[in-house]
N, C-alpha and C. Protein backbone atom coordinates (compact mmCIF):
# COMPACT_ATOMS: atom_id res chain seq x y z
N UNK A 1 96.05 81.73 130.70
CA UNK A 1 95.43 82.05 129.43
C UNK A 1 93.98 82.45 129.70
N UNK A 2 93.62 83.63 129.26
CA UNK A 2 92.26 84.12 129.45
C UNK A 2 91.59 84.34 128.10
N UNK A 3 90.32 84.00 128.02
CA UNK A 3 89.54 84.30 126.82
C UNK A 3 89.11 85.75 126.93
N UNK A 4 89.54 86.57 125.96
CA UNK A 4 89.18 87.99 126.03
C UNK A 4 87.99 88.32 125.15
N UNK A 5 87.68 87.43 124.19
CA UNK A 5 86.51 87.67 123.35
C UNK A 5 86.05 86.34 122.78
N UNK A 6 84.74 86.18 122.67
CA UNK A 6 84.17 84.99 122.06
C UNK A 6 83.14 85.43 121.04
N UNK A 7 83.28 84.94 119.82
CA UNK A 7 82.41 85.33 118.72
C UNK A 7 81.73 84.08 118.18
N UNK A 8 80.40 84.07 118.17
CA UNK A 8 79.66 82.94 117.61
C UNK A 8 79.30 83.27 116.18
N UNK A 9 79.65 82.34 115.28
CA UNK A 9 79.38 82.53 113.86
C UNK A 9 78.82 81.24 113.30
N UNK A 10 77.53 81.24 113.00
CA UNK A 10 76.90 80.01 112.54
C UNK A 10 76.99 78.95 113.62
N UNK A 11 77.52 77.78 113.25
CA UNK A 11 77.67 76.70 114.23
C UNK A 11 79.04 76.72 114.88
N UNK A 12 79.88 77.69 114.52
CA UNK A 12 81.23 77.76 115.07
C UNK A 12 81.39 78.86 116.10
N UNK A 13 82.47 78.75 116.85
CA UNK A 13 82.79 79.74 117.87
C UNK A 13 84.26 80.11 117.70
N UNK A 14 84.54 81.41 117.68
CA UNK A 14 85.91 81.92 117.63
C UNK A 14 86.23 82.45 119.02
N UNK A 15 87.30 81.92 119.60
CA UNK A 15 87.72 82.39 120.92
C UNK A 15 89.08 83.05 120.80
N UNK A 16 89.18 84.27 121.31
CA UNK A 16 90.44 85.01 121.26
C UNK A 16 91.03 85.00 122.66
N UNK A 17 92.25 84.48 122.74
CA UNK A 17 92.96 84.37 124.02
C UNK A 17 94.06 85.43 124.09
N UNK A 18 94.48 85.78 125.28
CA UNK A 18 95.52 86.79 125.45
C UNK A 18 96.92 86.20 125.59
N UNK A 19 97.05 84.89 125.61
CA UNK A 19 98.36 84.29 125.91
C UNK A 19 99.39 84.48 124.81
N UNK A 20 98.98 84.71 123.58
CA UNK A 20 99.95 84.85 122.50
C UNK A 20 100.62 86.22 122.48
N UNK A 21 99.92 87.24 122.91
CA UNK A 21 100.46 88.59 122.75
C UNK A 21 100.59 89.39 124.04
N UNK A 22 100.27 88.84 125.19
CA UNK A 22 100.28 89.66 126.41
C UNK A 22 101.67 90.09 126.86
N UNK A 23 102.71 89.35 126.47
CA UNK A 23 104.07 89.71 126.87
C UNK A 23 104.86 90.37 125.74
N UNK A 24 104.19 90.76 124.67
CA UNK A 24 104.84 91.40 123.53
C UNK A 24 104.83 92.92 123.67
N UNK A 25 105.66 93.55 122.85
CA UNK A 25 105.62 95.02 122.77
C UNK A 25 104.42 95.44 121.93
N UNK A 26 104.07 96.70 121.98
CA UNK A 26 102.97 97.21 121.15
C UNK A 26 103.29 97.03 119.67
N UNK A 27 104.55 97.19 119.31
CA UNK A 27 104.96 97.03 117.91
C UNK A 27 104.80 95.58 117.45
N UNK A 28 105.19 94.64 118.31
CA UNK A 28 105.02 93.22 117.98
C UNK A 28 103.54 92.87 117.80
N UNK A 29 102.71 93.38 118.69
CA UNK A 29 101.27 93.13 118.58
C UNK A 29 100.70 93.73 117.31
N UNK A 30 101.17 94.91 116.91
CA UNK A 30 100.69 95.53 115.68
C UNK A 30 101.09 94.69 114.47
N UNK A 31 102.29 94.13 114.49
CA UNK A 31 102.73 93.26 113.39
C UNK A 31 101.82 92.04 113.28
N UNK A 32 101.45 91.47 114.41
CA UNK A 32 100.53 90.33 114.42
C UNK A 32 99.19 90.72 113.80
N UNK A 33 98.67 91.85 114.23
CA UNK A 33 97.38 92.34 113.70
C UNK A 33 97.47 92.58 112.20
N UNK A 34 98.56 93.18 111.75
CA UNK A 34 98.74 93.45 110.32
C UNK A 34 98.80 92.16 109.52
N UNK A 35 99.53 91.16 110.02
CA UNK A 35 99.64 89.89 109.30
C UNK A 35 98.30 89.15 109.24
N UNK A 36 97.58 89.13 110.34
CA UNK A 36 96.28 88.47 110.35
C UNK A 36 95.31 89.21 109.43
N UNK A 37 95.37 90.53 109.42
CA UNK A 37 94.50 91.32 108.55
C UNK A 37 94.75 91.00 107.08
N UNK A 38 96.02 90.85 106.70
CA UNK A 38 96.35 90.50 105.31
C UNK A 38 95.76 89.14 104.93
N UNK A 39 95.84 88.19 105.85
CA UNK A 39 95.28 86.86 105.58
C UNK A 39 93.77 86.94 105.40
N UNK A 40 93.10 87.68 106.28
CA UNK A 40 91.64 87.80 106.21
C UNK A 40 91.22 88.52 104.95
N UNK A 41 91.88 89.62 104.61
CA UNK A 41 91.55 90.36 103.39
C UNK A 41 91.76 89.49 102.17
N UNK A 42 92.88 88.73 102.13
CA UNK A 42 93.14 87.83 101.01
C UNK A 42 92.05 86.78 100.86
N UNK A 43 91.57 86.26 101.97
CA UNK A 43 90.50 85.28 101.92
C UNK A 43 89.23 85.86 101.31
N UNK A 44 88.82 87.02 101.78
CA UNK A 44 87.58 87.61 101.28
C UNK A 44 87.72 88.06 99.83
N UNK A 45 88.89 88.52 99.44
CA UNK A 45 89.10 88.90 98.04
C UNK A 45 89.02 87.66 97.14
N UNK A 46 89.52 86.53 97.59
CA UNK A 46 89.44 85.31 96.78
C UNK A 46 88.00 84.81 96.68
N UNK A 47 87.19 85.08 97.68
CA UNK A 47 85.79 84.69 97.63
C UNK A 47 85.00 85.49 96.61
N UNK A 48 85.37 86.75 96.41
CA UNK A 48 84.70 87.59 95.41
C UNK A 48 85.02 87.12 94.00
N UNK A 49 86.27 86.72 93.78
CA UNK A 49 86.72 86.33 92.45
C UNK A 49 86.19 84.93 92.11
N UNK A 50 86.32 84.01 93.04
CA UNK A 50 85.98 82.61 92.82
C UNK A 50 84.54 82.38 92.81
């Protein structure tokens, strides 16, 4: 498992590892990206309303 990106945000750190998707097809990886994007967009949209 390798850390491919580390993002510092405030007092937190987001680490992105390659172990979840390195053995997947490009299509599988795109599905993962699409699903995560929907979750993130939903979060930010709820922050605007609330």
